[in-house]
N, C-alpha and C. Protein backbone atom coordinates (compact mmCIF):
# COMPACT_ATOMS: atom_id res chain seq x y z
N ALA A 1 9.86 -4.71 -2.30
CA ALA A 1 9.50 -3.23 -3.25
C ALA A 1 10.69 -2.61 -3.27
N GLU A 2 11.62 -2.73 -2.23
CA GLU A 2 12.76 -1.62 -2.50
C GLU A 2 13.64 -2.29 -3.54
N ARG A 3 13.73 -3.66 -3.32
CA ARG A 3 14.61 -3.69 -4.28
C ARG A 3 14.46 -3.66 -5.93
N ALA A 4 12.91 -3.76 -6.66
CA ALA A 4 12.49 -3.84 -7.57
C ALA A 4 12.22 -2.07 -7.84
N ALA A 5 12.15 -1.41 -7.23
CA ALA A 5 11.87 -0.08 -7.30
C ALA A 5 13.84 0.40 -7.68
N SER A 6 14.25 -0.27 -7.08
CA SER A 6 16.00 0.42 -7.33
C SER A 6 16.18 -0.37 -8.59
N HIS A 7 16.15 -1.56 -8.85
CA HIS A 7 16.17 -2.27 -10.29
C HIS A 7 15.62 -1.31 -10.93
N ALA A 8 14.45 -1.04 -11.45
CA ALA A 8 13.62 -0.03 -12.34
C ALA A 8 14.21 1.44 -12.39
N GLU A 9 14.94 1.65 -11.36
CA GLU A 9 15.09 2.72 -11.14
C GLU A 9 16.91 2.95 -12.08
N ARG A 10 18.04 1.79 -11.98
CA ARG A 10 18.60 1.68 -12.50
C ARG A 10 18.46 1.61 -14.24
N LYS A 11 17.67 1.19 -14.61
CA LYS A 11 17.48 1.39 -15.83
C LYS A 11 16.64 1.93 -16.60
N TRP A 12 16.47 3.56 -15.93
CA TRP A 12 15.74 4.34 -16.41
C TRP A 12 16.71 5.26 -16.66
N PRO A 13 16.78 6.07 -18.10
CA PRO A 13 17.93 6.90 -18.19
C PRO A 13 18.48 7.80 -16.90
N GLY A 14 19.68 8.06 -17.11
CA GLY A 14 20.18 9.03 -15.83
C GLY A 14 21.24 8.69 -14.87
N SER A 15 21.60 9.28 -14.51
CA SER A 15 22.35 8.77 -13.77
C SER A 15 22.54 9.54 -12.44
N GLY A 16 20.95 9.62 -11.64
CA GLY A 16 20.60 9.74 -10.41
C GLY A 16 20.55 8.39 -9.17
N PRO A 17 20.46 8.81 -8.09
CA PRO A 17 20.66 7.93 -7.04
C PRO A 17 19.28 7.36 -7.04
N PRO A 18 19.14 6.08 -6.69
CA PRO A 18 17.53 5.64 -6.64
C PRO A 18 16.63 6.12 -5.49
N ILE A 19 15.77 7.03 -5.82
CA ILE A 19 15.83 8.36 -4.82
C ILE A 19 14.01 7.50 -4.34
N PHE A 20 13.39 6.66 -5.41
CA PHE A 20 12.21 5.90 -5.25
C PHE A 20 12.64 4.67 -4.46
N ALA A 21 13.52 4.07 -4.50
CA ALA A 21 14.08 2.76 -3.74
C ALA A 21 14.36 3.52 -2.38
N ASN A 22 15.48 4.51 -2.33
CA ASN A 22 15.49 4.96 -0.91
C ASN A 22 14.37 5.84 -0.11
N ALA A 23 13.33 6.45 -0.74
CA ALA A 23 12.15 6.75 -0.21
C ALA A 23 11.36 5.54 0.92
N ILE A 24 11.42 4.38 -0.03
CA ILE A 24 10.40 3.34 0.35
C ILE A 24 11.27 2.95 1.70
N ARG A 25 12.87 2.71 1.81
CA ARG A 25 13.43 2.31 2.74
C ARG A 25 13.09 2.89 3.74
N THR A 26 13.41 4.24 3.70
CA THR A 26 13.30 5.23 4.27
C THR A 26 11.95 5.44 5.47
N VAL A 27 10.90 5.44 4.82
CA VAL A 27 9.67 5.69 5.28
C VAL A 27 9.65 3.85 6.04
N HIS A 28 9.67 3.06 5.47
CA HIS A 28 9.30 1.93 5.86
C HIS A 28 10.46 1.87 7.17
N ASP A 29 11.54 2.33 7.38
CA ASP A 29 12.48 2.01 8.92
C ASP A 29 11.61 3.27 9.78
N ASP A 30 11.71 4.00 8.88
CA ASP A 30 10.94 4.94 10.13
C ASP A 30 9.73 4.49 11.22
N LEU A 31 8.69 3.92 10.30
CA LEU A 31 7.93 3.64 10.68
C LEU A 31 7.71 2.05 11.23
N ALA A 32 8.32 1.42 11.10
CA ALA A 32 8.87 0.11 11.67
C ALA A 32 9.77 0.41 12.98
N ALA A 33 10.24 1.42 13.05
CA ALA A 33 10.93 2.05 14.77
C ALA A 33 9.96 2.18 15.59
N LEU A 34 8.72 2.69 14.95
CA LEU A 34 8.15 3.31 15.86
C LEU A 34 7.03 2.58 16.74
N PRO A 35 6.75 2.54 18.58
CA PRO A 35 6.42 1.35 19.21
C PRO A 35 4.77 1.11 18.86
N THR A 36 3.81 1.89 18.52
CA THR A 36 2.90 2.02 17.62
C THR A 36 2.73 2.94 16.59
N LEU A 37 1.81 2.56 15.73
CA LEU A 37 1.57 3.31 14.38
C LEU A 37 -0.10 4.06 15.18
N SER A 38 0.38 5.15 14.77
CA SER A 38 -0.94 6.30 14.81
C SER A 38 -0.93 7.20 13.86
N ALA A 39 -1.75 7.74 13.22
CA ALA A 39 -2.27 8.57 12.11
C ALA A 39 -1.65 9.84 11.94
N ALA A 40 -1.18 10.74 13.53
CA ALA A 40 -0.99 11.14 13.43
C ALA A 40 0.79 11.48 13.62
N ASP A 41 1.20 10.50 13.99
CA ASP A 41 2.90 10.11 14.06
C ASP A 41 3.04 9.84 12.51
N ILE A 42 2.03 9.14 11.83
CA ILE A 42 2.49 9.17 10.34
C ILE A 42 2.46 9.99 9.49
N ALA A 43 1.43 11.11 9.89
CA ALA A 43 1.32 12.24 8.89
C ALA A 43 2.39 13.20 9.69
N ALA A 44 2.98 13.04 10.37
CA ALA A 44 4.36 14.10 11.25
C ALA A 44 5.58 13.74 10.23
N ARG A 45 5.25 12.58 10.23
CA ARG A 45 6.97 11.58 9.20
C ARG A 45 6.84 11.96 7.90
N CYS A 46 5.70 11.48 7.03
CA CYS A 46 5.19 11.12 5.94
C CYS A 46 4.19 11.56 5.21
N PHE A 47 3.65 12.75 5.36
CA PHE A 47 2.39 12.90 5.04
C PHE A 47 2.33 12.45 3.10
N PRO A 48 1.10 11.47 3.08
CA PRO A 48 1.12 11.19 1.42
C PRO A 48 0.63 12.68 0.67
N ASP A 49 1.64 13.74 -0.02
CA ASP A 49 1.15 14.38 -0.53
C ASP A 49 1.48 14.47 -1.99
N SER A 50 2.78 13.47 -2.24
CA SER A 50 3.39 13.21 -3.11
C SER A 50 3.76 11.57 -3.86
N PRO A 51 3.88 10.91 -4.97
CA PRO A 51 4.56 9.99 -4.92
C PRO A 51 4.88 9.42 -4.13
N LEU A 52 6.70 10.11 -3.28
CA LEU A 52 7.70 10.11 -2.89
C LEU A 52 6.65 9.77 -1.53
N THR A 53 5.47 9.72 -1.14
CA THR A 53 5.54 9.35 0.11
C THR A 53 4.47 8.66 -0.22
N ILE A 54 3.48 8.90 -0.72
CA ILE A 54 1.88 7.70 -1.14
C ILE A 54 2.54 6.20 -1.36
N VAL A 55 3.38 6.15 -2.27
CA VAL A 55 3.79 4.60 -2.52
C VAL A 55 3.93 4.19 -1.70
N PRO A 56 5.54 4.91 -1.12
CA PRO A 56 6.57 4.25 0.04
C PRO A 56 5.81 4.35 1.91
N LEU A 57 4.92 5.01 1.76
CA LEU A 57 3.53 4.89 2.87
C LEU A 57 3.04 3.60 3.04
N ALA A 58 2.26 3.46 1.72
CA ALA A 58 1.57 2.41 1.46
C ALA A 58 2.43 1.00 1.54
N LEU A 59 3.26 0.85 0.91
CA LEU A 59 4.17 -0.04 0.81
C LEU A 59 4.50 -0.44 2.64
N ALA A 60 4.86 0.76 3.29
CA ALA A 60 5.46 0.46 4.62
C ALA A 60 4.15 -0.05 5.21
N LEU A 61 3.15 0.17 5.33
CA LEU A 61 1.79 0.19 6.01
C LEU A 61 1.61 -1.78 5.52
N ALA A 62 1.88 -1.99 4.03
CA ALA A 62 1.54 -3.24 3.92
C ALA A 62 2.59 -4.47 4.27
N THR A 63 3.48 -3.64 4.79
CA THR A 63 4.72 -4.79 5.11
C THR A 63 4.94 -4.65 6.67
N ILE A 64 4.33 -3.63 7.64
CA ILE A 64 4.46 -3.61 9.20
C ILE A 64 3.49 -4.41 9.58
N MET A 65 1.94 -3.64 8.90
CA MET A 65 0.63 -4.42 9.56
C MET A 65 0.27 -5.88 9.06
N ARG A 66 -0.70 -6.39 9.72
CA ARG A 66 -0.57 -7.45 9.86
C ARG A 66 -2.61 -7.55 9.33
N SER A 67 -3.35 -6.84 9.28
CA SER A 67 -4.63 -6.64 8.76
C SER A 67 -4.91 -5.61 7.86
N ALA A 68 -5.52 -5.72 6.53
CA ALA A 68 -6.16 -5.18 6.08
C ALA A 68 -6.99 -4.11 6.20
N GLU A 69 -7.92 -4.56 7.19
CA GLU A 69 -9.25 -3.26 7.75
C GLU A 69 -8.31 -2.39 8.76
N ASP A 70 -7.42 -2.91 9.58
CA ASP A 70 -6.46 -2.13 10.47
C ASP A 70 -5.68 -0.84 9.41
N ALA A 71 -4.98 -1.55 8.18
CA ALA A 71 -3.98 -0.39 7.22
C ALA A 71 -5.07 0.22 6.66
N ILE A 72 -6.16 -0.08 6.45
CA ILE A 72 -7.50 0.64 5.68
C ILE A 72 -7.92 2.15 6.41
N LEU A 73 -7.92 1.53 7.13
CA LEU A 73 -8.51 2.57 8.80
C LEU A 73 -7.58 3.74 8.77
N LEU A 74 -6.22 2.88 9.18
CA LEU A 74 -5.10 3.86 10.05
C LEU A 74 -4.66 4.55 8.85
N ALA A 75 -4.66 4.46 7.34
CA ALA A 75 -4.46 5.05 6.56
C ALA A 75 -5.82 6.46 6.13
N THR A 76 -6.53 6.19 6.04
CA THR A 76 -8.01 6.75 5.96
C THR A 76 -7.52 8.10 6.81
N ASN A 77 -6.90 7.56 7.56
CA ASN A 77 -6.75 9.17 9.03
C ASN A 77 -5.61 9.63 9.22
N VAL A 78 -4.58 9.42 7.84
CA VAL A 78 -3.56 10.29 7.67
C VAL A 78 -3.72 11.64 7.27
N GLY A 79 -4.67 11.39 6.51
CA GLY A 79 -4.96 13.05 5.86
C GLY A 79 -3.96 12.82 4.27
N GLY A 80 -4.17 13.72 3.54
CA GLY A 80 -3.54 14.17 2.23
C GLY A 80 -4.59 13.09 0.86
N ASP A 81 -3.50 11.75 0.22
CA ASP A 81 -4.12 11.62 -0.63
C ASP A 81 -3.87 9.89 0.03
N SER A 82 -5.05 9.85 1.34
CA SER A 82 -5.08 8.79 2.11
C SER A 82 -5.93 7.75 1.35
N ASP A 83 -6.68 8.16 0.25
CA ASP A 83 -7.72 6.79 -0.63
C ASP A 83 -6.65 6.05 -0.99
N SER A 84 -5.68 6.71 -1.89
CA SER A 84 -4.61 5.96 -2.42
C SER A 84 -3.93 4.91 -1.58
N VAL A 85 -3.19 6.02 -0.24
CA VAL A 85 -2.47 4.77 0.64
C VAL A 85 -3.12 3.68 0.63
N ALA A 86 -4.64 4.10 1.59
CA ALA A 86 -5.68 2.92 1.77
C ALA A 86 -5.77 1.90 0.73
N SER A 87 -5.97 2.32 -0.40
CA SER A 87 -6.59 1.10 -1.42
C SER A 87 -4.94 -0.15 -1.65
N ILE A 88 -3.89 0.86 -1.94
CA ILE A 88 -2.50 0.24 -2.52
C ILE A 88 -2.61 -0.61 -1.02
N ALA A 89 -2.34 -0.18 0.35
CA ALA A 89 -2.07 -1.01 1.46
C ALA A 89 -2.76 -2.27 1.87
N GLY A 90 -4.30 -1.76 1.87
CA GLY A 90 -5.38 -2.59 2.10
C GLY A 90 -5.35 -3.71 1.14
N GLY A 91 -5.31 -3.44 -0.48
CA GLY A 91 -4.99 -4.29 -1.43
C GLY A 91 -4.16 -5.55 -1.33
N ILE A 92 -2.84 -5.27 -0.92
CA ILE A 92 -1.73 -5.68 -0.83
C ILE A 92 -1.95 -6.97 0.89
N LEU A 93 -2.43 -5.90 1.46
CA LEU A 93 -2.70 -6.92 2.77
C LEU A 93 -4.22 -7.84 2.63
N GLY A 94 -5.18 -7.39 2.21
CA GLY A 94 -5.96 -8.19 2.04
C GLY A 94 -5.91 -9.88 0.82
N ALA A 95 -4.76 -9.40 -0.06
CA ALA A 95 -4.02 -10.62 -1.13
C ALA A 95 -3.40 -11.20 -0.10
N MET A 96 -2.47 -11.18 1.06
CA MET A 96 -1.72 -11.17 1.90
C MET A 96 -2.49 -12.35 2.94
N CYS A 97 -3.32 -11.71 3.65
CA CYS A 97 -4.11 -12.10 4.49
C CYS A 97 -5.46 -11.86 4.34
N PRO A 98 -6.53 -12.35 3.64
CA PRO A 98 -7.86 -12.26 3.40
C PRO A 98 -8.77 -12.29 4.34
N PRO A 99 -8.20 -13.26 5.36
CA PRO A 99 -8.99 -13.09 6.68
C PRO A 99 -9.48 -11.49 7.00
N THR A 100 -8.40 -10.72 6.99
CA THR A 100 -8.40 -9.82 7.49
C THR A 100 -9.53 -7.99 6.52
N VAL A 101 -9.38 -8.76 5.91
CA VAL A 101 -10.66 -7.57 4.63
C VAL A 101 -11.80 -8.09 5.50
N ASN A 102 -12.35 -6.31 5.00
CA ASN A 102 -13.65 -6.05 6.13
C ASN A 102 -14.98 -7.04 4.97
N GLN A 103 -15.38 -7.88 5.10
CA GLN A 103 -16.22 -8.18 4.22
C GLN A 103 -17.47 -7.19 3.38
N GLN A 104 -17.98 -6.37 4.76
CA GLN A 104 -18.97 -6.02 4.69
C GLN A 104 -18.60 -4.45 3.53
N TRP A 105 -17.07 -4.29 3.74
CA TRP A 105 -16.72 -3.23 2.89
C TRP A 105 -16.44 -3.96 1.76
N SER A 106 -16.01 -5.11 1.33
CA SER A 106 -15.61 -5.52 0.07
C SER A 106 -17.44 -5.73 -0.42
N ASP A 107 -18.03 -6.08 -0.26
CA ASP A 107 -19.51 -6.20 -0.46
C ASP A 107 -20.27 -4.95 -1.03
N VAL A 108 -20.07 -3.66 -0.15
CA VAL A 108 -20.49 -2.15 -0.74
C VAL A 108 -19.54 -2.32 -1.96
N VAL A 109 -18.33 -2.26 -2.16
CA VAL A 109 -17.66 -1.70 -3.06
C VAL A 109 -17.68 -2.63 -4.22
N THR A 110 -18.04 -3.93 -4.47
CA THR A 110 -18.33 -4.91 -5.21
C THR A 110 -19.91 -4.69 -5.59
N ARG A 111 -20.79 -4.51 -4.76
CA ARG A 111 -22.30 -3.90 -5.69
C ARG A 111 -21.83 -2.86 -6.36
N VAL A 112 -21.29 -2.04 -5.52
CA VAL A 112 -21.39 -0.39 -6.10
C VAL A 112 -20.50 -0.47 -7.69
N ASN A 113 -19.57 -0.73 -7.30
CA ASN A 113 -18.83 -0.53 -9.03
C ASN A 113 -19.15 -1.98 -9.55
N GLY A 114 -19.94 -2.74 -9.58
CA GLY A 114 -20.30 -4.09 -10.30
C GLY A 114 -18.84 -4.75 -10.55
N HIS A 115 -17.74 -5.14 -9.50
CA HIS A 115 -16.91 -5.80 -9.88
C HIS A 115 -17.10 -7.24 -9.61
N ALA A 116 -16.58 -8.28 -10.49
CA ALA A 116 -16.80 -9.42 -10.41
C ALA A 116 -15.39 -10.20 -10.06
N PHE A 117 -14.96 -9.84 -9.15
CA PHE A 117 -13.31 -10.45 -8.75
C PHE A 117 -13.38 -11.83 -8.62
N GLY A 118 -14.44 -12.69 -8.26
CA GLY A 118 -13.79 -13.83 -9.02
C GLY A 118 -13.45 -14.36 -10.38
N ALA A 119 -14.53 -13.72 -10.61
CA ALA A 119 -14.67 -13.82 -12.32
C ALA A 119 -13.43 -13.26 -13.04
N VAL A 120 -12.35 -12.73 -12.41
CA VAL A 120 -11.74 -11.95 -13.12
C VAL A 120 -10.33 -13.21 -12.67
N ALA A 121 -10.28 -13.31 -11.32
CA ALA A 121 -9.33 -14.27 -10.71
C ALA A 121 -9.61 -15.47 -11.30
N ARG A 122 -10.41 -15.98 -11.34
CA ARG A 122 -10.65 -17.66 -12.80
C ARG A 122 -9.52 -17.06 -13.91
N GLU A 123 -10.32 -16.08 -14.49
CA GLU A 123 -9.86 -15.76 -15.60
C GLU A 123 -8.20 -14.95 -15.72
N LEU A 124 -7.59 -14.79 -14.60
CA LEU A 124 -6.28 -14.24 -15.01
C LEU A 124 -5.77 -15.87 -14.27
N ALA A 125 -6.27 -16.66 -13.64
CA ALA A 125 -5.46 -18.35 -13.36
C ALA A 125 -5.65 -18.94 -14.49
N ARG A 126 -6.80 -19.05 -15.06
CA ARG A 126 -7.02 -19.76 -16.49
C ARG A 126 -5.34 -19.33 -17.94
N ILE A 127 -5.77 -17.51 -17.71
CA ILE A 127 -4.31 -16.98 -18.68
C ILE A 127 -3.20 -17.70 -18.29
N ARG A 128 -2.82 -17.85 -16.82
CA ARG A 128 -1.42 -17.92 -16.45
C ARG A 128 -0.87 -19.38 -17.01
N HIS A 129 -1.89 -20.36 -16.54
CA HIS A 129 -1.88 -21.92 -16.57
C HIS A 129 -2.16 -22.19 -18.26
């Protein structure tokens, strides 16, 4: 994620440093150094209240943690724009580690929103090939 952000920032007009890529690296390294992740520690280090904290925090959780459910629960307790952090981190981890998705939560979201994820996935696969 850091490399992609840095690459995109180099293509953006202007000559400033890769701020977003640096934010991703800083948040990841800071959280990875913690012996355990807690909502209070995360909120104190990188409270998600701007794009330079929301997305880097979500990406850090998605790369440090191994459970979509655990990441969602942790992110929602941090505060700030926690729903965005939880949805990004949970979505990435859910794709990487499908068994860690809370199926009951997924069923509720699917039912309430009328999502047909299976159909969407099949259509994307069809388009890809």
